[in-house]
Amino acid sequence: MNAPVTATPVPAEPTASSARNKRIGDVMLKVENVSLSFGGVKAIRDVSFDIRKGEVRAIIGPNGAGKTSMLNVINGFYHPQQGVITFKGEKRSAMRPHVASQQGISRTFQNVALFKGMSTLDNIMTGRTLKMKRGILAQAFRYGPALKE
């Protein structure tokens, strides 16, 4: 008696939308069911998302939607009443802002008074000085290897 012959399905060619939706890379930041309240005001209610290595994400919404509060929870400035934040596989319950910065989480504040004479990138990078390998003086004077960072 011969064994039945079965065909192996051939996967369909990926479409543009399926290629766009395919996410690769390790999860670097995971926010799970995070909620934050100020008195009776719920600034963030049960928010979950993740960011994978190499991804660029944006938090958008109208004034008062909780965007800044969410960033403040991620960098440890606020501590949520509910939920878990995991960064590079390590759960953070009460991370302090300077620890977040040392581990690579940085942010800039919404401020129209940027440092004059500096590019947008330079203004953003001012929040990363603790994480950079070169000393603060080399960074300030844009000296040698600090320029490459």
N, C-alpha and C. Protein backbone atom coordinates (compact mmCIF):
# COMPACT_ATOMS: atom_id res chain seq x y z
N MET A 1 0.84 -1.17 0.00
CA MET A 1 0.00 0.00 0.00
C MET A 1 0.88 1.24 0.00
N ASN A 2 0.56 2.16 -0.87
CA ASN A 2 1.35 3.38 -0.98
C ASN A 2 0.80 4.45 -0.03
N ALA A 3 1.73 5.27 0.48
CA ALA A 3 1.33 6.38 1.35
C ALA A 3 0.65 7.45 0.51
N PRO A 4 -0.34 8.15 1.09
CA PRO A 4 -1.00 9.20 0.33
C PRO A 4 -0.03 10.33 -0.01
N VAL A 5 -0.24 10.92 -1.13
CA VAL A 5 0.59 12.03 -1.57
C VAL A 5 -0.08 13.32 -1.10
N THR A 6 0.69 14.15 -0.44
CA THR A 6 0.15 15.44 0.00
C THR A 6 0.97 16.55 -0.61
N ALA A 7 0.31 17.62 -0.89
CA ALA A 7 1.00 18.78 -1.46
C ALA A 7 1.35 19.75 -0.34
N THR A 8 2.52 20.30 -0.43
CA THR A 8 2.93 21.33 0.53
C THR A 8 2.43 22.66 0.02
N PRO A 9 1.64 23.38 0.85
CA PRO A 9 1.14 24.67 0.37
C PRO A 9 2.28 25.64 0.10
N VAL A 10 2.14 26.38 -0.96
CA VAL A 10 3.12 27.39 -1.31
C VAL A 10 2.62 28.72 -0.77
N PRO A 11 3.45 29.41 0.03
CA PRO A 11 2.99 30.68 0.58
C PRO A 11 2.76 31.70 -0.53
N ALA A 12 1.74 32.51 -0.33
CA ALA A 12 1.45 33.57 -1.30
C ALA A 12 2.54 34.62 -1.24
N GLU A 13 2.70 35.31 -2.34
CA GLU A 13 3.66 36.41 -2.38
C GLU A 13 3.22 37.48 -1.39
N PRO A 14 4.16 38.04 -0.63
CA PRO A 14 3.75 39.08 0.31
C PRO A 14 3.25 40.33 -0.41
N THR A 15 2.20 40.90 0.12
CA THR A 15 1.67 42.14 -0.44
C THR A 15 2.37 43.31 0.22
N ALA A 16 2.18 44.49 -0.35
CA ALA A 16 2.81 45.68 0.23
C ALA A 16 2.31 45.92 1.64
N SER A 17 1.00 45.70 1.88
CA SER A 17 0.46 45.96 3.22
C SER A 17 0.96 44.92 4.22
N SER A 18 1.10 43.64 3.81
CA SER A 18 1.59 42.64 4.77
C SER A 18 3.05 42.87 5.09
N ALA A 19 3.83 43.33 4.12
CA ALA A 19 5.24 43.65 4.38
C ALA A 19 5.35 44.83 5.33
N ARG A 20 4.46 45.80 5.17
CA ARG A 20 4.46 46.97 6.04
C ARG A 20 4.09 46.59 7.47
N ASN A 21 3.16 45.64 7.62
CA ASN A 21 2.68 45.27 8.95
C ASN A 21 3.58 44.28 9.66
N LYS A 22 4.52 43.68 8.96
CA LYS A 22 5.43 42.72 9.58
C LYS A 22 6.46 43.47 10.41
N ARG A 23 6.50 43.15 11.69
CA ARG A 23 7.40 43.84 12.60
C ARG A 23 8.55 42.90 12.94
N ILE A 24 9.76 43.41 12.84
CA ILE A 24 10.92 42.58 13.15
C ILE A 24 11.71 43.23 14.27
N GLY A 25 12.61 42.47 14.85
CA GLY A 25 13.47 43.00 15.90
C GLY A 25 12.94 42.69 17.28
N ASP A 26 13.83 42.77 18.24
CA ASP A 26 13.48 42.51 19.63
C ASP A 26 12.64 43.66 20.19
N VAL A 27 11.75 43.33 21.11
CA VAL A 27 10.97 44.35 21.79
C VAL A 27 11.90 45.08 22.76
N MET A 28 12.05 46.38 22.57
CA MET A 28 12.92 47.18 23.43
C MET A 28 12.13 47.79 24.58
N LEU A 29 10.92 48.26 24.29
CA LEU A 29 10.07 48.90 25.30
C LEU A 29 8.68 48.32 25.18
N LYS A 30 8.15 47.87 26.31
CA LYS A 30 6.79 47.32 26.33
C LYS A 30 6.02 48.01 27.44
N VAL A 31 4.89 48.57 27.08
CA VAL A 31 4.00 49.25 28.02
C VAL A 31 2.72 48.41 28.06
N GLU A 32 2.37 47.92 29.26
CA GLU A 32 1.21 47.04 29.39
C GLU A 32 0.21 47.58 30.40
N ASN A 33 -0.99 47.88 29.92
CA ASN A 33 -2.12 48.26 30.77
C ASN A 33 -1.79 49.38 31.75
N VAL A 34 -1.09 50.39 31.29
CA VAL A 34 -0.67 51.49 32.15
C VAL A 34 -1.81 52.49 32.34
N SER A 35 -2.03 52.87 33.59
CA SER A 35 -3.01 53.89 33.94
C SER A 35 -2.38 54.87 34.91
N LEU A 36 -2.73 56.15 34.75
CA LEU A 36 -2.20 57.20 35.61
C LEU A 36 -3.32 58.21 35.86
N SER A 37 -3.51 58.54 37.13
CA SER A 37 -4.53 59.52 37.50
C SER A 37 -3.92 60.61 38.36
N PHE A 38 -4.49 61.79 38.25
CA PHE A 38 -4.15 62.91 39.12
C PHE A 38 -5.44 63.28 39.84
N GLY A 39 -5.58 62.82 41.07
CA GLY A 39 -6.85 63.01 41.77
C GLY A 39 -7.94 62.25 41.03
N GLY A 40 -9.00 62.94 40.64
CA GLY A 40 -10.09 62.30 39.91
C GLY A 40 -9.92 62.33 38.41
N VAL A 41 -8.83 62.92 37.92
CA VAL A 41 -8.60 63.03 36.48
C VAL A 41 -7.76 61.86 36.00
N LYS A 42 -8.30 61.08 35.07
CA LYS A 42 -7.56 59.95 34.50
C LYS A 42 -6.78 60.46 33.29
N ALA A 43 -5.49 60.61 33.45
CA ALA A 43 -4.64 61.11 32.37
C ALA A 43 -4.35 60.02 31.35
N ILE A 44 -4.15 58.78 31.83
CA ILE A 44 -3.86 57.63 30.98
C ILE A 44 -4.73 56.49 31.48
N ARG A 45 -5.42 55.83 30.58
CA ARG A 45 -6.30 54.74 30.98
C ARG A 45 -5.99 53.48 30.19
N ASP A 46 -5.38 52.50 30.84
CA ASP A 46 -5.18 51.16 30.29
C ASP A 46 -4.50 51.18 28.92
N VAL A 47 -3.35 51.83 28.83
CA VAL A 47 -2.61 51.95 27.56
C VAL A 47 -1.58 50.83 27.44
N SER A 48 -1.53 50.21 26.27
CA SER A 48 -0.55 49.15 25.99
C SER A 48 0.03 49.36 24.59
N PHE A 49 1.33 49.18 24.46
CA PHE A 49 2.00 49.19 23.16
C PHE A 49 3.42 48.69 23.36
N ASP A 50 4.10 48.38 22.27
CA ASP A 50 5.51 48.05 22.37
C ASP A 50 6.26 48.71 21.23
N ILE A 51 7.56 48.83 21.43
CA ILE A 51 8.45 49.40 20.42
C ILE A 51 9.60 48.42 20.24
N ARG A 52 9.81 48.03 19.00
CA ARG A 52 10.88 47.08 18.69
C ARG A 52 12.14 47.82 18.24
N LYS A 53 13.25 47.14 18.34
CA LYS A 53 14.53 47.73 17.94
C LYS A 53 14.44 48.20 16.49
N GLY A 54 14.84 49.44 16.27
CA GLY A 54 14.84 50.01 14.93
C GLY A 54 13.55 50.72 14.55
N GLU A 55 12.50 50.56 15.34
CA GLU A 55 11.24 51.22 15.03
C GLU A 55 11.24 52.66 15.50
N VAL A 56 10.47 53.46 14.83
CA VAL A 56 10.22 54.83 15.25
C VAL A 56 8.71 54.92 15.46
N ARG A 57 8.31 55.34 16.64
CA ARG A 57 6.89 55.46 16.96
C ARG A 57 6.60 56.89 17.38
N ALA A 58 5.35 57.27 17.28
CA ALA A 58 4.91 58.60 17.70
C ALA A 58 3.68 58.46 18.58
N ILE A 59 3.58 59.33 19.57
CA ILE A 59 2.38 59.41 20.39
C ILE A 59 1.70 60.71 19.98
N ILE A 60 0.51 60.58 19.39
CA ILE A 60 -0.19 61.76 18.91
C ILE A 60 -1.58 61.84 19.54
N GLY A 61 -2.12 63.03 19.57
CA GLY A 61 -3.46 63.24 20.10
C GLY A 61 -3.67 64.70 20.43
N PRO A 62 -4.91 65.05 20.74
CA PRO A 62 -5.22 66.45 21.05
C PRO A 62 -4.66 66.87 22.41
N ASN A 63 -4.69 68.16 22.67
CA ASN A 63 -4.27 68.66 23.98
C ASN A 63 -5.04 67.95 25.08
N GLY A 64 -4.34 67.57 26.13
CA GLY A 64 -4.99 66.92 27.27
C GLY A 64 -5.23 65.44 27.10
N ALA A 65 -4.72 64.84 26.02
CA ALA A 65 -4.97 63.42 25.76
C ALA A 65 -4.06 62.50 26.58
N GLY A 66 -3.01 63.04 27.20
CA GLY A 66 -2.13 62.22 28.01
C GLY A 66 -0.79 61.89 27.38
N LYS A 67 -0.44 62.56 26.28
CA LYS A 67 0.82 62.26 25.60
C LYS A 67 2.03 62.53 26.49
N THR A 68 2.09 63.71 27.07
CA THR A 68 3.21 64.06 27.94
C THR A 68 3.22 63.20 29.18
N SER A 69 2.06 62.92 29.73
CA SER A 69 1.98 62.04 30.91
C SER A 69 2.54 60.66 30.58
N MET A 70 2.24 60.15 29.37
CA MET A 70 2.76 58.84 28.98
C MET A 70 4.28 58.87 28.89
N LEU A 71 4.84 59.92 28.29
CA LEU A 71 6.30 60.04 28.22
C LEU A 71 6.91 60.15 29.62
N ASN A 72 6.24 60.87 30.51
CA ASN A 72 6.74 61.00 31.88
C ASN A 72 6.68 59.69 32.64
N VAL A 73 5.73 58.83 32.33
CA VAL A 73 5.68 57.50 32.93
C VAL A 73 6.82 56.64 32.39
N ILE A 74 7.05 56.70 31.08
CA ILE A 74 8.10 55.89 30.46
C ILE A 74 9.47 56.27 31.00
N ASN A 75 9.74 57.57 31.20
CA ASN A 75 11.07 57.96 31.67
C ASN A 75 11.19 58.02 33.19
N GLY A 76 10.15 57.59 33.91
CA GLY A 76 10.25 57.49 35.36
C GLY A 76 9.92 58.74 36.14
N PHE A 77 9.50 59.80 35.46
CA PHE A 77 9.15 61.04 36.15
C PHE A 77 7.84 60.87 36.93
N TYR A 78 6.89 60.14 36.35
CA TYR A 78 5.65 59.76 37.03
C TYR A 78 5.64 58.25 37.21
N HIS A 79 4.97 57.79 38.25
CA HIS A 79 4.82 56.35 38.49
C HIS A 79 3.34 56.00 38.34
N PRO A 80 3.02 55.08 37.43
CA PRO A 80 1.61 54.76 37.18
C PRO A 80 0.97 54.02 38.36
N GLN A 81 -0.34 54.18 38.50
CA GLN A 81 -1.06 53.45 39.53
C GLN A 81 -1.30 52.00 39.11
N GLN A 82 -1.24 51.74 37.82
CA GLN A 82 -1.50 50.40 37.30
C GLN A 82 -0.63 50.17 36.08
N GLY A 83 -0.26 48.92 35.85
CA GLY A 83 0.44 48.54 34.64
C GLY A 83 1.92 48.26 34.85
N VAL A 84 2.53 47.77 33.78
CA VAL A 84 3.93 47.37 33.82
C VAL A 84 4.66 47.97 32.62
N ILE A 85 5.86 48.46 32.88
CA ILE A 85 6.73 48.95 31.81
C ILE A 85 7.98 48.08 31.83
N THR A 86 8.31 47.53 30.67
CA THR A 86 9.49 46.68 30.53
C THR A 86 10.42 47.34 29.52
N PHE A 87 11.69 47.51 29.89
CA PHE A 87 12.67 48.11 28.99
C PHE A 87 13.83 47.14 28.85
N LYS A 88 14.10 46.72 27.62
CA LYS A 88 15.15 45.75 27.31
C LYS A 88 15.01 44.50 28.17
N GLY A 89 13.77 44.03 28.32
CA GLY A 89 13.50 42.79 29.04
C GLY A 89 13.44 42.90 30.54
N GLU A 90 13.68 44.08 31.09
CA GLU A 90 13.69 44.26 32.54
C GLU A 90 12.49 45.11 32.96
N LYS A 91 11.69 44.55 33.89
CA LYS A 91 10.51 45.28 34.37
C LYS A 91 10.93 46.45 35.23
N ARG A 92 10.24 47.56 35.03
CA ARG A 92 10.51 48.79 35.78
C ARG A 92 9.29 49.13 36.60
N SER A 93 9.43 49.17 37.91
CA SER A 93 8.28 49.52 38.73
C SER A 93 8.36 50.96 39.22
N ALA A 94 9.51 51.37 39.66
CA ALA A 94 9.66 52.74 40.17
C ALA A 94 10.97 53.33 39.68
N MET A 95 11.17 53.27 38.36
CA MET A 95 12.41 53.78 37.78
C MET A 95 12.49 55.29 37.97
N ARG A 96 13.63 55.76 38.38
CA ARG A 96 13.85 57.19 38.54
C ARG A 96 14.39 57.76 37.23
N PRO A 97 14.11 59.03 36.94
CA PRO A 97 14.52 59.61 35.66
C PRO A 97 16.01 59.49 35.35
N HIS A 98 16.88 59.67 36.34
CA HIS A 98 18.32 59.59 36.04
C HIS A 98 18.73 58.16 35.71
N VAL A 99 18.06 57.17 36.29
CA VAL A 99 18.35 55.76 35.96
C VAL A 99 17.86 55.47 34.54
N ALA A 100 16.69 55.97 34.20
CA ALA A 100 16.16 55.79 32.84
C ALA A 100 17.13 56.38 31.82
N SER A 101 17.65 57.55 32.10
CA SER A 101 18.59 58.21 31.20
C SER A 101 19.87 57.39 31.05
N GLN A 102 20.39 56.88 32.16
CA GLN A 102 21.61 56.06 32.11
C GLN A 102 21.41 54.80 31.28
N GLN A 103 20.18 54.29 31.25
CA GLN A 103 19.91 53.06 30.52
C GLN A 103 19.48 53.31 29.07
N GLY A 104 19.40 54.58 28.67
CA GLY A 104 19.14 54.87 27.27
C GLY A 104 17.78 55.47 26.96
N ILE A 105 16.96 55.72 27.98
CA ILE A 105 15.67 56.38 27.74
C ILE A 105 15.88 57.87 27.91
N SER A 106 15.67 58.62 26.85
CA SER A 106 15.85 60.07 26.96
C SER A 106 14.66 60.77 26.33
N ARG A 107 14.50 62.01 26.69
CA ARG A 107 13.42 62.81 26.13
C ARG A 107 13.82 64.26 26.17
N THR A 108 13.14 65.05 25.39
CA THR A 108 13.28 66.49 25.48
C THR A 108 11.93 67.04 25.91
N PHE A 109 11.94 68.22 26.46
CA PHE A 109 10.70 68.82 26.91
C PHE A 109 10.15 69.74 25.84
N GLN A 110 8.84 69.86 25.81
CA GLN A 110 8.19 70.74 24.85
C GLN A 110 8.48 72.17 25.27
N ASN A 111 9.32 72.81 24.50
CA ASN A 111 9.76 74.15 24.86
C ASN A 111 10.14 74.89 23.59
N VAL A 112 9.59 76.06 23.41
CA VAL A 112 9.92 76.82 22.21
C VAL A 112 11.27 77.53 22.34
N ALA A 113 11.83 77.59 23.54
CA ALA A 113 13.12 78.25 23.76
C ALA A 113 14.24 77.22 23.67
N LEU A 114 14.58 76.83 22.45
CA LEU A 114 15.66 75.88 22.25
C LEU A 114 17.00 76.59 22.41
N PHE A 115 18.07 75.81 22.47
CA PHE A 115 19.40 76.40 22.55
C PHE A 115 19.72 77.06 21.21
N LYS A 116 19.96 78.35 21.24
CA LYS A 116 20.23 79.09 20.00
C LYS A 116 21.54 78.62 19.39
N GLY A 117 21.57 78.58 18.08
CA GLY A 117 22.77 78.20 17.36
C GLY A 117 22.97 76.70 17.27
N MET A 118 22.05 75.93 17.84
CA MET A 118 22.17 74.47 17.77
C MET A 118 21.10 73.92 16.84
N SER A 119 21.45 72.84 16.16
CA SER A 119 20.48 72.20 15.27
C SER A 119 19.42 71.47 16.10
N THR A 120 18.39 71.02 15.43
CA THR A 120 17.34 70.24 16.10
C THR A 120 17.94 69.00 16.74
N LEU A 121 18.81 68.30 16.00
CA LEU A 121 19.45 67.10 16.53
C LEU A 121 20.29 67.42 17.75
N ASP A 122 21.05 68.50 17.71
CA ASP A 122 21.87 68.89 18.86
C ASP A 122 21.00 69.17 20.08
N ASN A 123 19.86 69.84 19.88
CA ASN A 123 18.95 70.11 20.98
C ASN A 123 18.41 68.81 21.58
N ILE A 124 18.07 67.87 20.73
CA ILE A 124 17.56 66.58 21.22
C ILE A 124 18.66 65.82 21.95
N MET A 125 19.87 65.85 21.42
CA MET A 125 20.97 65.09 22.02
C MET A 125 21.41 65.63 23.37
N THR A 126 21.02 66.84 23.74
CA THR A 126 21.41 67.35 25.06
C THR A 126 20.86 66.47 26.17
N GLY A 127 19.77 65.79 25.94
CA GLY A 127 19.21 64.87 26.94
C GLY A 127 19.91 63.53 26.99
N ARG A 128 20.83 63.28 26.09
CA ARG A 128 21.51 61.98 26.02
C ARG A 128 22.94 62.02 26.57
N THR A 129 23.37 63.11 27.17
CA THR A 129 24.77 63.24 27.57
C THR A 129 25.22 62.16 28.53
N LEU A 130 24.35 61.69 29.41
CA LEU A 130 24.76 60.65 30.37
C LEU A 130 25.00 59.31 29.70
N LYS A 131 24.35 59.05 28.58
CA LYS A 131 24.46 57.77 27.90
C LYS A 131 25.62 57.72 26.91
N MET A 132 26.13 58.87 26.52
CA MET A 132 27.17 58.90 25.49
C MET A 132 28.52 58.50 26.07
N LYS A 133 29.36 57.96 25.23
CA LYS A 133 30.65 57.42 25.68
C LYS A 133 31.69 58.50 25.93
N ARG A 134 31.62 59.59 25.22
CA ARG A 134 32.61 60.66 25.35
C ARG A 134 32.23 61.58 26.50
N GLY A 135 33.21 62.24 27.06
CA GLY A 135 32.98 63.14 28.18
C GLY A 135 32.15 64.35 27.79
N ILE A 136 31.60 64.99 28.79
CA ILE A 136 30.70 66.13 28.55
C ILE A 136 31.43 67.30 27.90
N LEU A 137 32.71 67.52 28.22
CA LEU A 137 33.44 68.61 27.58
C LEU A 137 33.67 68.33 26.10
N ALA A 138 34.03 67.09 25.78
CA ALA A 138 34.22 66.72 24.37
C ALA A 138 32.91 66.87 23.60
N GLN A 139 31.80 66.55 24.26
CA GLN A 139 30.50 66.71 23.62
C GLN A 139 30.17 68.19 23.43
N ALA A 140 30.42 68.97 24.46
CA ALA A 140 30.08 70.40 24.40
C ALA A 140 30.83 71.11 23.29
N PHE A 141 32.11 70.75 23.11
CA PHE A 141 32.92 71.41 22.09
C PHE A 141 32.92 70.66 20.76
N ARG A 142 32.10 69.59 20.70
CA ARG A 142 31.98 68.79 19.47
C ARG A 142 33.35 68.36 18.99
N TYR A 143 34.13 67.82 19.93
CA TYR A 143 35.52 67.47 19.68
C TYR A 143 35.65 66.02 19.23
N GLY A 144 36.40 65.79 18.18
CA GLY A 144 36.82 64.47 17.71
C GLY A 144 35.75 63.41 17.72
N PRO A 145 36.01 62.30 18.45
CA PRO A 145 35.08 61.17 18.44
C PRO A 145 33.68 61.52 18.95
N ALA A 146 33.56 62.54 19.79
CA ALA A 146 32.24 62.95 20.28
C ALA A 146 31.35 63.42 19.14
N LEU A 147 31.97 63.96 18.11
CA LEU A 147 31.22 64.44 16.95
C LEU A 147 30.55 63.27 16.22
N LYS A 148 31.20 62.10 16.22
CA LYS A 148 30.65 60.93 15.55
C LYS A 148 29.47 60.34 16.30
N GLU A 149 29.46 60.50 17.64
CA GLU A 149 28.35 59.96 18.42
C GLU A 149 27.10 60.73 18.11
